[in-house]
Amino acid sequence: RVTLSAQVRASGFYKAIGYTPYGEEYYDQY
């Protein structure tokens, strides 16, 4: 299992290669 922290604007890219979001959105450096 691998995890990542996706910029929300890039989450579609990660979904397209098989990643599933979990938890709530959060801010990292605004």
All heavy atoms as atom14 arrays in JSON, in Angstrom:
{
  "sequence": "RVTLSAQVRASGFYKAIGYTPYGEEYYDQY",
  "atom14_mask": [
    [1, 1, 1, 1, 1, 1, 1, 1, 1, 1, 1, 0, 0, 0],
    [1, 1, 1, 1, 1, 1, 1, 0, 0, 0, 0, 0, 0, 0],
    [1, 1, 1, 1, 1, 1, 1, 0, 0, 0, 0, 0, 0, 0],
    [1, 1, 1, 1, 1, 1, 1, 1, 0, 0, 0, 0, 0, 0],
    [1, 1, 1, 1, 1, 1, 0, 0, 0, 0, 0, 0, 0, 0],
    [1, 1, 1, 1, 1, 0, 0, 0, 0, 0, 0, 0, 0, 0],
    [1, 1, 1, 1, 1, 1, 1, 1, 1, 0, 0, 0, 0, 0],
    [1, 1, 1, 1, 1, 1, 1, 0, 0, 0, 0, 0, 0, 0],
    [1, 1, 1, 1, 1, 1, 1, 1, 1, 1, 1, 0, 0, 0],
    [1, 1, 1, 1, 1, 0, 0, 0, 0, 0, 0, 0, 0, 0],
    [1, 1, 1, 1, 1, 1, 0, 0, 0, 0, 0, 0, 0, 0],
    [1, 1, 1, 1, 0, 0, 0, 0, 0, 0, 0, 0, 0, 0],
    [1, 1, 1, 1, 1, 1, 1, 1, 1, 1, 1, 0, 0, 0],
    [1, 1, 1, 1, 1, 1, 1, 1, 1, 1, 1, 1, 0, 0],
    [1, 1, 1, 1, 1, 1, 1, 1, 1, 0, 0, 0, 0, 0],
    [1, 1, 1, 1, 1, 0, 0, 0, 0, 0, 0, 0, 0, 0],
    [1, 1, 1, 1, 1, 1, 1, 1, 0, 0, 0, 0, 0, 0],
    [1, 1, 1, 1, 0, 0, 0, 0, 0, 0, 0, 0, 0, 0],
    [1, 1, 1, 1, 1, 1, 1, 1, 1, 1, 1, 1, 0, 0],
    [1, 1, 1, 1, 1, 1, 1, 0, 0, 0, 0, 0, 0, 0],
    [1, 1, 1, 1, 1, 1, 1, 0, 0, 0, 0, 0, 0, 0],
    [1, 1, 1, 1, 1, 1, 1, 1, 1, 1, 1, 1, 0, 0],
    [1, 1, 1, 1, 0, 0, 0, 0, 0, 0, 0, 0, 0, 0],
    [1, 1, 1, 1, 1, 1, 1, 1, 1, 0, 0, 0, 0, 0],
    [1, 1, 1, 1, 1, 1, 1, 1, 1, 0, 0, 0, 0, 0],
    [1, 1, 1, 1, 1, 1, 1, 1, 1, 1, 1, 1, 0, 0],
    [1, 1, 1, 1, 1, 1, 1, 1, 1, 1, 1, 1, 0, 0],
    [1, 1, 1, 1, 1, 1, 1, 1, 0, 0, 0, 0, 0, 0],
    [1, 1, 1, 1, 1, 1, 1, 1, 1, 0, 0, 0, 0, 0],
    [1, 1, 1, 1, 1, 1, 1, 1, 1, 1, 1, 1, 0, 0]
  ],
  "atom14_positions": [
    [[0.85, -1.19, 0.0], [0.0, 0.0, 0.0], [0.89, 1.24, 0.0], [1.87, 1.3, 0.73], [-0.88, 0.0, 1.25], [-1.72, 1.24, 1.44], [-2.59, 1.1, 2.71], [-3.18, 2.35, 3.08], [-2.79, 3.12, 4.09], [-1.78, 2.74, 4.86], [-3.39, 4.25, 4.37], [0.0, 0.0, 0.0], [0.0, 0.0, 0.0], [0.0, 0.0, 0.0]],
    [[0.52, 2.21, -0.84], [1.23, 3.49, -0.83], [0.22, 4.61, -0.61], [-0.96, 4.49, -0.96], [2.01, 3.74, -2.14], [3.17, 2.78, -2.28], [1.12, 3.67, -3.35], [0.0, 0.0, 0.0], [0.0, 0.0, 0.0], [0.0, 0.0, 0.0], [0.0, 0.0, 0.0], [0.0, 0.0, 0.0], [0.0, 0.0, 0.0], [0.0, 0.0, 0.0]],
    [[0.71, 5.68, -0.01], [-0.11, 6.86, 0.22], [0.58, 8.06, -0.44], [1.75, 7.99, -0.82], [-0.28, 7.15, 1.73], [1.0, 7.42, 2.3], [-0.93, 5.97, 2.45], [0.0, 0.0, 0.0], [0.0, 0.0, 0.0], [0.0, 0.0, 0.0], [0.0, 0.0, 0.0], [0.0, 0.0, 0.0], [0.0, 0.0, 0.0], [0.0, 0.0, 0.0]],
    [[-0.17, 9.13, -0.55], [0.39, 10.39, -1.01], [-0.48, 11.53, -0.53], [-1.61, 11.33, -0.1], [0.58, 10.42, -2.53], [-0.61, 10.14, -3.44], [-1.45, 11.4, -3.66], [-0.11, 9.64, -4.79], [0.0, 0.0, 0.0], [0.0, 0.0, 0.0], [0.0, 0.0, 0.0], [0.0, 0.0, 0.0], [0.0, 0.0, 0.0], [0.0, 0.0, 0.0]],
    [[0.08, 12.72, -0.59], [-0.63, 13.94, -0.23], [-0.74, 14.76, -1.5], [0.23, 15.39, -1.93], [0.17, 14.71, 0.85], [-0.44, 15.94, 1.13], [0.0, 0.0, 0.0], [0.0, 0.0, 0.0], [0.0, 0.0, 0.0], [0.0, 0.0, 0.0], [0.0, 0.0, 0.0], [0.0, 0.0, 0.0], [0.0, 0.0, 0.0], [0.0, 0.0, 0.0]],
    [[-1.92, 14.74, -2.11], [-2.1, 15.37, -3.42], [-2.6, 16.79, -3.28], [-3.5, 17.07, -2.49], [-3.1, 14.57, -4.25], [0.0, 0.0, 0.0], [0.0, 0.0, 0.0], [0.0, 0.0, 0.0], [0.0, 0.0, 0.0], [0.0, 0.0, 0.0], [0.0, 0.0, 0.0], [0.0, 0.0, 0.0], [0.0, 0.0, 0.0], [0.0, 0.0, 0.0]],
    [[-2.03, 17.69, -4.06], [-2.67, 18.98, -4.21], [-4.04, 18.7, -4.81], [-4.17, 17.9, -5.74], [-1.87, 19.9, -5.12], [-0.53, 20.31, -4.56], [0.23, 21.24, -5.48], [-0.34, 21.85, -6.39], [1.53, 21.34, -5.27], [0.0, 0.0, 0.0], [0.0, 0.0, 0.0], [0.0, 0.0, 0.0], [0.0, 0.0, 0.0], [0.0, 0.0, 0.0]],
    [[-5.09, 19.31, -4.27], [-6.44, 19.02, -4.73], [-6.56, 19.21, -6.24], [-7.18, 18.41, -6.93], [-7.48, 19.87, -3.96], [-8.86, 19.78, -4.6], [-7.53, 19.42, -2.5], [0.0, 0.0, 0.0], [0.0, 0.0, 0.0], [0.0, 0.0, 0.0], [0.0, 0.0, 0.0], [0.0, 0.0, 0.0], [0.0, 0.0, 0.0], [0.0, 0.0, 0.0]],
    [[-5.89, 20.23, -6.77], [-5.96, 20.47, -8.21], [-5.32, 19.36, -9.04], [-5.58, 19.24, -10.22], [-5.34, 21.82, -8.55], [-3.85, 21.88, -8.3], [-3.3, 23.25, -8.61], [-1.9, 23.31, -8.25], [-1.22, 24.42, -8.22], [-1.8, 25.55, -8.52], [0.05, 24.4, -7.88], [0.0, 0.0, 0.0], [0.0, 0.0, 0.0], [0.0, 0.0, 0.0]],
    [[-4.48, 18.52, -8.41], [-3.84, 17.41, -9.11], [-4.47, 16.06, -8.76], [-4.04, 15.03, -9.27], [-2.35, 17.36, -8.78], [0.0, 0.0, 0.0], [0.0, 0.0, 0.0], [0.0, 0.0, 0.0], [0.0, 0.0, 0.0], [0.0, 0.0, 0.0], [0.0, 0.0, 0.0], [0.0, 0.0, 0.0], [0.0, 0.0, 0.0], [0.0, 0.0, 0.0]],
    [[-5.5, 16.06, -7.92], [-6.07, 14.79, -7.45], [-6.67, 13.97, -8.6], [-6.66, 12.74, -8.54], [-7.1, 15.01, -6.35], [-8.19, 15.78, -6.82], [0.0, 0.0, 0.0], [0.0, 0.0, 0.0], [0.0, 0.0, 0.0], [0.0, 0.0, 0.0], [0.0, 0.0, 0.0], [0.0, 0.0, 0.0], [0.0, 0.0, 0.0], [0.0, 0.0, 0.0]],
    [[-7.18, 14.62, -9.65], [-7.72, 13.89, -10.8], [-6.66, 13.05, -11.49], [-6.92, 11.93, -11.94], [0.0, 0.0, 0.0], [0.0, 0.0, 0.0], [0.0, 0.0, 0.0], [0.0, 0.0, 0.0], [0.0, 0.0, 0.0], [0.0, 0.0, 0.0], [0.0, 0.0, 0.0], [0.0, 0.0, 0.0], [0.0, 0.0, 0.0], [0.0, 0.0, 0.0]],
    [[-5.44, 13.58, -11.56], [-4.32, 12.82, -12.12], [-4.09, 11.55, -11.33], [-3.95, 10.46, -11.9], [-3.05, 13.7, -12.12], [-1.78, 12.91, -12.26], [-1.39, 12.37, -13.48], [-0.95, 12.69, -11.16], [-0.22, 11.64, -13.6], [0.22, 11.97, -11.28], [0.59, 11.44, -12.5], [0.0, 0.0, 0.0], [0.0, 0.0, 0.0], [0.0, 0.0, 0.0]],
    [[-4.06, 11.66, -10.0], [-3.81, 10.49, -9.16], [-4.97, 9.51, -9.2], [-4.77, 8.3, -9.22], [-3.48, 10.92, -7.73], [-2.18, 11.67, -7.64], [-2.13, 13.04, -7.41], [-0.96, 11.01, -7.84], [-0.93, 13.73, -7.34], [0.24, 11.69, -7.79], [0.25, 13.05, -7.54], [1.44, 13.72, -7.5], [0.0, 0.0, 0.0], [0.0, 0.0, 0.0]],
    [[-6.2, 10.01, -9.26], [-7.37, 9.12, -9.39], [-7.27, 8.3, -10.67], [-7.57, 7.11, -10.69], [-8.67, 9.93, -9.38], [-9.07, 10.44, -8.03], [-10.37, 11.24, -8.12], [-10.69, 11.9, -6.8], [-11.88, 12.77, -6.91], [0.0, 0.0, 0.0], [0.0, 0.0, 0.0], [0.0, 0.0, 0.0], [0.0, 0.0, 0.0], [0.0, 0.0, 0.0]],
    [[-6.81, 8.95, -11.75], [-6.71, 8.28, -13.05], [-5.7, 7.14, -13.04], [-5.81, 6.22, -13.86], [-6.35, 9.29, -14.14], [0.0, 0.0, 0.0], [0.0, 0.0, 0.0], [0.0, 0.0, 0.0], [0.0, 0.0, 0.0], [0.0, 0.0, 0.0], [0.0, 0.0, 0.0], [0.0, 0.0, 0.0], [0.0, 0.0, 0.0], [0.0, 0.0, 0.0]],
    [[-4.75, 7.16, -12.11], [-3.78, 6.06, -12.05], [-4.02, 5.16, -10.84], [-3.13, 4.43, -10.42], [-2.32, 6.57, -12.11], [-1.99, 7.52, -10.96], [-2.03, 7.21, -13.46], [-0.51, 7.87, -10.85], [0.0, 0.0, 0.0], [0.0, 0.0, 0.0], [0.0, 0.0, 0.0], [0.0, 0.0, 0.0], [0.0, 0.0, 0.0], [0.0, 0.0, 0.0]],
    [[-5.25, 5.22, -10.3], [-5.67, 4.24, -9.32], [-5.67, 4.65, -7.86], [-5.89, 3.8, -6.99], [0.0, 0.0, 0.0], [0.0, 0.0, 0.0], [0.0, 0.0, 0.0], [0.0, 0.0, 0.0], [0.0, 0.0, 0.0], [0.0, 0.0, 0.0], [0.0, 0.0, 0.0], [0.0, 0.0, 0.0], [0.0, 0.0, 0.0], [0.0, 0.0, 0.0]],
    [[-5.45, 5.91, -7.55], [-5.45, 6.36, -6.15], [-6.85, 6.76, -5.73], [-7.63, 7.28, -6.52], [-4.48, 7.53, -5.96], [-3.04, 7.07, -5.95], [-2.37, 6.84, -7.14], [-2.37, 6.82, -4.76], [-1.06, 6.38, -7.15], [-1.07, 6.35, -4.76], [-0.42, 6.14, -5.96], [0.86, 5.68, -5.96], [0.0, 0.0, 0.0], [0.0, 0.0, 0.0]],
    [[-7.14, 6.51, -4.45], [-8.43, 6.82, -3.87], [-8.23, 7.82, -2.73], [-7.4, 7.6, -1.86], [-9.08, 5.54, -3.29], [-9.18, 4.57, -4.34], [-10.45, 5.83, -2.72], [0.0, 0.0, 0.0], [0.0, 0.0, 0.0], [0.0, 0.0, 0.0], [0.0, 0.0, 0.0], [0.0, 0.0, 0.0], [0.0, 0.0, 0.0], [0.0, 0.0, 0.0]],
    [[-9.01, 8.91, -2.74], [-8.88, 9.87, -1.64], [-9.47, 9.33, -0.35], [-10.38, 8.5, -0.37], [-9.66, 11.09, -2.12], [-10.57, 10.59, -3.18], [-9.97, 9.34, -3.74], [0.0, 0.0, 0.0], [0.0, 0.0, 0.0], [0.0, 0.0, 0.0], [0.0, 0.0, 0.0], [0.0, 0.0, 0.0], [0.0, 0.0, 0.0], [0.0, 0.0, 0.0]],
    [[-8.92, 9.78, 0.77], [-9.5, 9.45, 2.08], [-9.29, 10.62, 3.02], [-8.35, 11.4, 2.85], [-8.92, 8.14, 2.64], [-7.46, 8.18, 3.0], [-7.05, 8.48, 4.3], [-6.49, 7.92, 2.05], [-5.69, 8.51, 4.63], [-5.14, 7.94, 2.38], [-4.75, 8.24, 3.67], [-3.42, 8.27, 4.0], [0.0, 0.0, 0.0], [0.0, 0.0, 0.0]],
    [[-10.17, 10.75, 3.98], [-10.05, 11.85, 4.94], [-10.55, 13.16, 4.37], [-11.14, 13.23, 3.29], [0.0, 0.0, 0.0], [0.0, 0.0, 0.0], [0.0, 0.0, 0.0], [0.0, 0.0, 0.0], [0.0, 0.0, 0.0], [0.0, 0.0, 0.0], [0.0, 0.0, 0.0], [0.0, 0.0, 0.0], [0.0, 0.0, 0.0], [0.0, 0.0, 0.0]],
    [[-10.32, 14.21, 5.12], [-10.77, 15.55, 4.76], [-9.65, 16.32, 4.06], [-8.47, 16.05, 4.28], [-11.19, 16.31, 6.03], [-12.31, 15.65, 6.81], [-13.61, 15.62, 6.04], [-13.93, 16.63, 5.37], [-14.32, 14.59, 6.09], [0.0, 0.0, 0.0], [0.0, 0.0, 0.0], [0.0, 0.0, 0.0], [0.0, 0.0, 0.0], [0.0, 0.0, 0.0]],
    [[-10.04, 17.29, 3.27], [-9.06, 18.19, 2.68], [-8.37, 18.98, 3.79], [-8.98, 19.26, 4.82], [-9.73, 19.17, 1.71], [-10.14, 18.54, 0.41], [-10.71, 19.56, -0.58], [-10.46, 20.78, -0.42], [-11.4, 19.14, -1.51], [0.0, 0.0, 0.0], [0.0, 0.0, 0.0], [0.0, 0.0, 0.0], [0.0, 0.0, 0.0], [0.0, 0.0, 0.0]],
    [[-7.13, 19.34, 3.56], [-6.37, 20.12, 4.52], [-5.44, 21.06, 3.75], [-5.25, 20.89, 2.54], [-5.56, 19.22, 5.46], [-4.64, 18.27, 4.75], [-3.32, 18.61, 4.5], [-5.11, 17.03, 4.28], [-2.48, 17.74, 3.82], [-4.26, 16.17, 3.59], [-2.96, 16.53, 3.37], [-2.13, 15.69, 2.69], [0.0, 0.0, 0.0], [0.0, 0.0, 0.0]],
    [[-4.9, 22.02, 4.45], [-4.01, 22.97, 3.8], [-2.56, 22.69, 4.18], [-2.25, 22.44, 5.34], [-4.38, 24.41, 4.18], [-5.58, 24.89, 3.42], [-6.87, 24.55, 3.84], [-5.43, 25.63, 2.26], [-7.97, 24.95, 3.11], [-6.53, 26.04, 1.53], [-7.8, 25.7, 1.96], [-8.9, 26.09, 1.24], [0.0, 0.0, 0.0], [0.0, 0.0, 0.0]],
    [[-1.71, 22.71, 3.19], [-0.27, 22.61, 3.37], [0.32, 23.81, 2.64], [0.15, 23.93, 1.41], [0.25, 21.29, 2.8], [1.73, 21.09, 3.04], [2.38, 21.97, 3.63], [2.26, 20.04, 2.61], [0.0, 0.0, 0.0], [0.0, 0.0, 0.0], [0.0, 0.0, 0.0], [0.0, 0.0, 0.0], [0.0, 0.0, 0.0], [0.0, 0.0, 0.0]],
    [[0.93, 24.72, 3.36], [1.48, 25.95, 2.8], [0.43, 26.69, 1.96], [0.68, 27.08, 0.82], [2.74, 25.67, 1.99], [3.87, 25.12, 2.85], [5.2, 25.17, 2.14], [5.59, 26.22, 1.64], [5.88, 24.04, 2.1], [0.0, 0.0, 0.0], [0.0, 0.0, 0.0], [0.0, 0.0, 0.0], [0.0, 0.0, 0.0], [0.0, 0.0, 0.0]],
    [[-0.74, 26.87, 2.52], [-1.83, 27.63, 1.9], [-2.4, 27.0, 0.63], [-3.08, 27.65, -0.14], [-1.4, 29.08, 1.62], [-0.85, 29.76, 2.84], [0.52, 29.93, 3.02], [-1.7, 30.19, 3.85], [1.03, 30.53, 4.16], [-1.21, 30.79, 5.0], [0.16, 30.97, 5.14], [0.65, 31.55, 6.27], [0.0, 0.0, 0.0], [0.0, 0.0, 0.0]]
  ]
}
